[in-house]
Protein backbone atom coordinates (compact mmCIF):
# COMPACT_ATOMS: atom_id res chain seq x y z
CA MET A 1 -3.28 16.35 13.10
CA ASN A 2 -3.02 18.57 10.13
CA HIS A 3 -3.97 21.72 12.80
CA LEU A 4 -1.63 20.23 15.12
CA PHE A 5 1.35 20.62 13.11
CA LEU A 6 0.53 23.22 10.57
CA ASP A 7 -1.05 26.05 13.09
CA VAL A 8 0.97 24.94 16.28
CA ILE A 9 3.91 22.31 16.11
CA PHE A 10 5.54 24.27 12.93
CA ARG A 11 4.57 27.96 13.94
CA ALA A 12 6.17 27.69 17.37
CA PRO A 13 8.98 30.51 16.96
CA TYR A 14 6.26 32.83 16.02
CA ILE A 15 4.23 31.65 19.36
CA GLY A 16 4.59 33.29 22.72
CA GLN A 17 4.47 30.15 24.81
CA ASP A 18 7.91 28.52 25.34
CA ILE A 19 6.62 25.02 26.22
CA PHE A 20 3.64 23.51 24.59
CA ASP A 21 0.06 23.82 26.37
CA ILE A 22 -3.00 22.02 25.23
CA SER A 23 -4.28 25.69 25.61
CA LEU A 24 -2.66 26.32 21.58
CA VAL A 25 -4.96 23.57 19.79
CA LEU A 26 -8.42 24.06 18.88
CA PRO A 27 -11.04 22.92 22.00
CA LYS A 28 -12.70 19.95 19.63
CA TYR A 29 -8.94 18.46 19.44
CA ALA A 30 -7.75 18.57 23.06
CA PRO A 31 -9.54 15.62 24.14
CA LEU A 32 -7.98 13.70 21.37
CA ILE A 33 -4.54 14.22 23.21
CA ASN A 34 -5.59 14.73 26.60
CA GLU A 35 -7.58 11.28 27.06
CA VAL A 36 -4.79 9.25 25.42
CA ASN A 37 -1.73 8.08 27.40
CA HIS A 38 0.64 11.16 27.40
CA GLU A 39 3.55 8.86 26.17
CA TYR A 40 1.93 8.38 22.76
CA LEU A 41 0.98 11.83 21.98
CA LEU A 42 1.36 14.47 24.42
CA ASN A 43 5.26 14.03 25.18
CA PRO A 44 6.28 13.65 21.74
CA ILE A 45 4.17 16.59 20.71
CA LYS A 46 5.83 18.75 23.49
CA GLU A 47 9.16 17.71 22.15
CA CYS A 48 8.69 18.62 18.86
CA TYR A 49 7.32 21.96 19.76
CA SER A 50 10.40 22.38 21.83
CA ILE A 51 12.62 21.45 18.92
CA CYS A 52 10.72 23.67 16.35
CA LYS A 53 11.39 26.81 18.69
CA THR A 54 14.72 26.72 17.31
CA LEU A 55 14.44 25.65 13.81
CA SER A 56 14.65 28.85 10.82
CA LYS A 57 12.15 29.61 8.63
CA GLU A 58 13.25 27.81 6.10
CA ASN A 59 13.06 24.43 7.50
CA LEU A 60 9.92 25.05 9.10
CA LYS A 61 8.49 25.94 5.59
CA ALA A 62 10.05 22.64 4.03
CA LEU A 63 8.42 20.85 7.04
CA LYS A 64 4.87 22.31 6.30
CA ARG A 65 5.18 21.59 2.69
CA GLY A 66 5.87 17.98 3.52
CA VAL A 67 2.70 17.78 5.66
CA HIS A 68 0.70 19.08 2.54
CA GLN A 69 2.45 16.92 -0.13
CA ASN A 70 2.95 13.64 1.99
CA ASN A 71 -1.30 13.19 2.07
CA LYS A 72 -1.70 14.15 -1.36
CA ILE A 73 -1.21 10.12 -2.17
CA ARG A 74 -2.72 10.31 -5.94
CA LEU A 75 -0.19 13.00 -6.87
CA LEU A 76 2.55 11.34 -5.33
CA CYS A 77 1.81 7.72 -7.21
CA ASN A 78 1.72 9.82 -10.33
CA GLY A 79 4.75 11.30 -9.64
CA ASP A 80 3.66 15.03 -9.76
CA LEU A 81 4.46 15.45 -6.37
CA ALA A 82 8.00 15.16 -4.64
CA PRO A 83 7.76 13.87 -1.01
CA ILE A 84 9.30 14.63 2.03
CA GLU A 85 10.82 11.26 4.32
CA TYR A 86 12.23 10.70 7.57
CA SER A 87 15.77 10.77 6.00
CA ASP A 88 15.12 14.26 4.38
CA ILE A 89 13.67 15.66 8.56
CA ASP A 90 17.03 13.30 10.08
CA ILE A 91 18.87 16.35 7.98
CA ILE A 92 16.60 19.08 10.03
CA SER A 93 17.15 17.79 13.27
CA SER A 94 17.44 14.16 13.52
CA PRO A 95 15.75 14.42 17.21
CA LEU A 96 12.62 15.81 15.42
CA SER A 97 12.46 13.74 13.23
CA THR A 98 12.60 10.59 16.06
CA GLN A 99 9.97 12.50 18.04
CA ILE A 100 7.60 12.44 14.33
CA LYS A 101 7.65 9.16 14.15
CA ILE A 102 7.26 8.36 17.83
CA PHE A 103 3.84 10.51 17.29
CA PHE A 104 2.60 9.03 13.83
CA ASP A 105 3.46 5.61 15.18
CA LYS A 106 1.43 5.61 18.14
CA LEU A 107 -1.20 7.39 16.54
CA TYR A 108 -1.67 4.66 14.47
CA ASP A 109 -1.15 1.47 17.23
CA GLU A 110 -2.59 3.10 20.02
CA ALA A 111 -4.74 6.29 19.81
CA VAL A 112 -6.92 5.58 17.35
CA ASN A 113 -7.97 2.11 18.93
CA LYS A 114 -9.42 4.81 21.63
CA ALA A 115 -12.80 5.21 22.63
CA VAL A 116 -11.80 9.57 22.29
CA PHE A 117 -11.05 8.52 18.62
CA TYR A 118 -13.40 6.24 17.54
CA HIS A 119 -16.41 8.03 18.68
CA GLU A 120 -15.46 11.22 16.64
CA TYR A 121 -13.89 9.44 13.44
CA GLY A 122 -15.08 5.64 13.54
CA LYS A 123 -13.30 2.40 14.04
CA VAL A 124 -10.34 1.03 11.96
CA ASP A 125 -12.15 -2.46 11.58
CA ASP A 126 -15.28 -0.58 10.37
CA TYR A 127 -13.48 1.54 7.90
CA TYR A 128 -11.43 -2.16 6.56
CA LYS A 129 -14.77 -3.88 6.16
CA SER A 130 -16.52 -0.77 4.24
CA LEU A 131 -13.56 -1.21 1.86
CA VAL A 132 -13.60 -5.21 1.57
CA GLY A 133 -17.25 -5.61 1.75
CA LYS A 134 -18.05 -9.35 0.59
CA SER A 135 -14.96 -9.33 -1.81
CA ARG A 136 -12.59 -12.24 -0.50
CA THR A 137 -9.78 -11.02 -3.76
CA CYS A 138 -6.89 -9.15 -2.42
CA ARG A 139 -7.01 -6.31 -4.48
CA CYS A 140 -2.98 -5.73 -4.94
CA CYS A 141 -1.98 -9.52 -6.53
CA GLY A 142 -5.71 -10.56 -7.58
CA ILE A 143 -5.35 -14.08 -6.28
CA ASN A 144 -5.21 -14.23 -2.85
CA LYS A 145 -7.87 -14.46 -0.05
CA VAL A 146 -8.73 -11.46 2.51
CA LEU A 147 -11.09 -11.35 5.22
CA ILE A 148 -14.53 -9.90 4.91
CA LYS A 149 -17.35 -7.82 6.47
CA PHE A 150 -18.63 -11.07 7.89
CA HIS A 151 -15.42 -12.20 9.62
CA SER A 152 -15.15 -11.15 13.05
CA LYS A 153 -11.40 -10.21 12.89
CA ARG A 154 -10.03 -8.36 9.56
CA SER A 155 -6.69 -9.13 7.37
CA ALA A 156 -4.32 -6.09 7.46
CA LEU A 157 -4.28 -2.47 6.41
CA ASP A 158 -1.39 -1.73 4.87
CA HIS A 159 0.31 1.78 4.62
CA TYR A 160 1.03 1.92 0.95
CA PHE A 161 3.43 4.57 1.89
CA PRO A 162 5.29 3.03 4.70
CA ARG A 163 5.74 4.31 8.29
CA ASN A 164 9.02 3.66 8.21
CA TYR A 165 9.84 6.07 5.27
CA PHE A 166 7.03 8.75 5.08
CA PRO A 167 6.04 11.21 8.13
CA PHE A 168 2.23 12.49 8.51
CA THR A 169 0.47 10.02 6.40
CA SER A 170 -0.22 6.74 9.45
CA ILE A 171 -3.96 7.81 9.59
CA ASN A 172 -4.63 9.07 6.33
CA THR A 173 -7.16 6.56 4.94
CA ASN A 174 -6.62 7.28 1.32
CA ASN A 175 -2.91 5.39 2.56
CA LEU A 176 -4.28 2.62 3.89
CA LEU A 177 -5.14 -0.37 1.94
CA PRO A 178 -6.89 -3.76 2.63
CA ILE A 179 -4.47 -6.47 1.68
CA CYS A 180 -3.79 -10.16 2.37
CA ASP A 181 -1.20 -11.84 4.43
CA THR A 182 0.75 -12.88 1.72
CA CYS A 183 1.43 -9.18 0.01
CA ASN A 184 1.55 -7.52 3.26
CA SER A 185 3.82 -10.02 4.95
CA LYS A 186 5.71 -11.85 3.06
CA TYR A 187 6.43 -9.21 -0.18
CA LYS A 188 6.07 -5.36 0.05
CA LEU A 189 6.31 -5.66 3.63
CA GLY A 190 7.68 -1.72 4.20
CA GLU A 191 9.18 -1.31 0.78
CA ASN A 192 9.87 1.95 -0.44
CA THR A 193 6.21 2.78 -2.43
CA ILE A 194 7.92 5.42 -4.81
CA TYR A 195 11.28 4.70 -4.79
CA GLU A 196 13.49 1.65 -6.42
CA ILE A 197 16.59 1.72 -3.93
CA ILE A 198 19.39 -0.64 -4.37
CA LYS A 199 21.21 -1.41 -2.01
CA ARG A 200 24.88 -3.23 -1.37
CA ASN A 201 26.00 -4.12 2.11
CA SER A 202 23.33 -2.34 3.57
CA ARG A 203 24.53 0.99 1.84
CA ILE A 204 22.31 2.69 -0.74
CA ILE A 205 24.03 2.87 -4.10
CA SER A 206 21.18 4.03 -6.42
CA LYS A 207 17.53 5.59 -5.26
CA THR A 208 15.06 6.00 -8.43
CA ARG A 209 11.62 7.83 -8.55
CA LYS A 210 9.19 5.44 -9.68
CA ARG A 211 5.39 6.02 -10.81
CA THR A 212 2.79 3.65 -9.12
CA PHE A 213 -1.03 2.48 -9.22
CA TYR A 214 -2.97 4.83 -7.10
CA PRO A 215 -5.25 2.14 -5.10
CA PHE A 216 -8.00 4.36 -4.71
CA SER A 217 -8.12 5.38 -8.76
CA LYS A 218 -11.56 6.54 -9.72
CA ILE A 219 -10.23 6.46 -13.56
CA ASN A 220 -12.95 4.87 -15.84
CA PRO A 221 -12.11 2.59 -17.23
CA TYR A 222 -9.47 1.35 -14.96
CA PRO A 223 -6.01 0.73 -16.94
CA LYS A 224 -6.53 -3.15 -17.55
CA ILE A 225 -3.29 -5.50 -17.05
CA ASP A 226 -3.15 -8.12 -19.46
CA VAL A 227 -1.06 -11.31 -18.15
CA GLU A 228 0.94 -13.00 -20.53
CA ILE A 229 2.34 -16.31 -19.84
CA THR A 230 4.33 -18.83 -22.77
CA LEU A 231 5.41 -22.32 -22.08
CA ASN A 232 9.11 -23.16 -22.47
CA LYS A 233 7.95 -27.09 -22.37
CA ALA A 234 5.03 -28.66 -22.96
CA LEU A 235 2.67 -29.12 -19.62
CA SER A 236 3.71 -31.86 -17.00
CA GLU A 237 2.60 -32.32 -13.32
CA ASP A 238 6.22 -31.22 -12.55
CA MET A 239 6.13 -27.76 -14.15
CA ILE A 240 8.58 -25.31 -12.42
CA PRO A 241 8.85 -21.33 -12.51
CA ASN A 242 11.81 -21.88 -14.84
CA ASP A 243 9.66 -23.57 -17.38
CA MET A 244 7.20 -20.45 -18.05
CA ASN A 245 8.11 -16.93 -18.99
CA ILE A 246 5.35 -14.48 -18.04
CA ASN A 247 4.91 -10.57 -19.32
CA LEU A 248 2.60 -7.98 -17.64
CA VAL A 249 1.27 -5.51 -20.14
CA SER A 250 -0.69 -2.35 -19.69
CA ILE A 251 -0.25 0.37 -22.53
CA GLY A 252 0.93 3.60 -21.14
CA TYR A 253 1.01 2.22 -18.05
CA GLU A 254 4.42 -0.32 -17.75
CA GLU A 255 6.01 1.85 -14.62
CA GLN A 256 3.48 1.39 -12.74
CA VAL A 257 3.17 -2.19 -13.78
CA GLN A 258 7.20 -2.54 -12.70
CA SER A 259 6.40 -1.17 -9.26
CA TRP A 260 3.60 -3.56 -8.88
CA ASP A 261 5.38 -6.29 -9.68
CA ARG A 262 8.45 -4.93 -7.10
CA LEU A 263 5.97 -4.10 -4.35
CA PHE A 264 4.16 -7.30 -4.58
CA GLY A 265 6.32 -9.77 -6.43
CA ILE A 266 3.96 -10.32 -9.07
CA LYS A 267 5.47 -12.37 -11.48
CA GLU A 268 6.52 -14.46 -8.86
CA ASN A 269 3.44 -15.29 -6.97
CA TYR A 270 1.59 -15.91 -10.62
CA LEU A 271 4.40 -18.17 -11.66
CA ALA A 272 4.05 -20.11 -8.42
CA GLU A 273 0.34 -20.35 -8.86
CA CYS A 274 0.64 -22.08 -12.55
CA CYS A 275 2.83 -24.74 -11.24
CA SER A 276 0.92 -25.63 -8.03
CA GLU A 277 -1.11 -28.85 -7.94
CA GLU A 278 -4.46 -27.14 -7.75
CA MET A 279 -3.61 -25.51 -11.40
CA TYR A 280 -2.81 -28.44 -12.67
CA MET A 281 -6.02 -30.22 -11.32
CA TYR A 282 -7.96 -27.45 -13.14
CA TYR A 283 -6.53 -27.63 -16.36
CA GLU A 284 -7.37 -31.31 -16.25
CA GLU A 285 -10.35 -31.88 -14.64
CA GLN A 286 -12.48 -28.83 -16.09
CA TYR A 287 -10.56 -27.13 -19.04
CA VAL A 288 -10.04 -30.55 -20.88
CA ALA A 289 -13.57 -31.85 -19.86
CA ASP A 290 -15.20 -28.74 -21.14
CA LEU A 291 -12.90 -29.09 -24.28
CA ASN A 292 -14.00 -33.03 -24.19
CA PHE A 293 -17.98 -32.25 -24.29
CA GLY A 294 -17.25 -29.95 -27.39
CA LYS A 295 -16.36 -26.31 -26.07
CA THR A 296 -13.35 -24.77 -28.10
CA HIS A 297 -10.53 -23.05 -26.66
CA ASN A 298 -11.64 -19.41 -27.19
CA GLU A 299 -15.20 -20.40 -26.12
CA TYR A 300 -13.78 -21.11 -23.02
CA ILE A 301 -11.45 -17.97 -22.66
CA GLU A 302 -14.26 -15.72 -23.19
CA ALA A 303 -16.25 -16.79 -20.51
CA LEU A 304 -13.15 -16.34 -18.38
CA GLU A 305 -12.76 -12.90 -19.84
CA ARG A 306 -16.51 -12.08 -18.57
CA ASN A 307 -15.44 -12.53 -15.24
CA ARG A 308 -11.55 -11.73 -15.11
CA VAL A 309 -10.88 -10.89 -11.10
CA GLY A 310 -13.28 -13.40 -10.27
CA ASP A 311 -11.84 -16.87 -9.07
CA MET A 312 -8.33 -15.50 -10.36
CA ASN A 313 -9.72 -16.02 -14.18
CA PHE A 314 -7.43 -13.70 -15.85
CA LEU A 315 -4.37 -15.79 -14.86
CA LYS A 316 -6.64 -19.08 -15.69
CA ALA A 317 -6.85 -17.66 -19.02
CA ALA A 318 -3.27 -16.39 -19.10
CA PHE A 319 -1.93 -19.99 -18.21
CA LEU A 320 -4.65 -21.66 -20.51
CA ASN A 321 -3.38 -19.44 -23.46
CA GLY A 322 0.27 -20.33 -22.75
CA ILE A 323 -0.24 -23.98 -23.11
CA ASN A 324 -2.42 -23.53 -26.23
CA ASN A 325 -0.07 -21.40 -28.08
CA TYR A 326 2.68 -23.64 -27.07
CA VAL A 327 4.44 -25.34 -30.00
């Protein structure tokens, strides 16, 4: 889609044709537009082209820059680039903003599921399965489950940079993240990934840029996040979240951790899990039993740390340390 917007739509004033014609795009891309319902792609393309005919050179330059920068997800997460949002395009042209959003929403919701797209670029479901493989663990929270490649269905693919805020990214695979239902539908929803927005009576009173983790980072080793839990009272079956405190620690990545918690409700989810019947039963039936058979607390924690990602072991270790350290 970069070709369509960079070489055609955002160059409209310099192209002789007054109305968009499919001949303006490279032949290899023409079927992707022609063989999809015109309401989904062709009509908004025509509208965008017509509107851009009237825009200034400066505005067109800003839009082109937005295409490039919005698709550099890693640099946006690091805070190295400034994105363009629909609110920015609204200032240039509200009708253009509307048509661009229609195009990119329909591109992901409808067009990519058509044969002309998936025969050329593959199916979204296959992309999902290639990412999750056989791992049931949600990579956003680390405690809930996602469907894996052996299921006939799949869990959600989250737009890490939400479609409601950020144009040009709806089919960027670096922006599509397998995610559990709790993270996707209960917590993150359409939360702005890199701006912390505070509203009062639906009015924005502050908007602060924040760095966030890049989900596909190849940093090795990946930043370790330690979970620290302290108890405010002795462990009992009737524990509630207020009976515990939680801290998320990753030296040098404090801002990213705060964003992670803001987006996915990490602290709330972890405290809720630690207060669950299942966690108390785990403590009673596995941890206490092993200690009764001679294993020390440190030996138990070391065993959990050897596979800290699996079966919520990182959280179990923090929970057990909190119990052990309670005075």
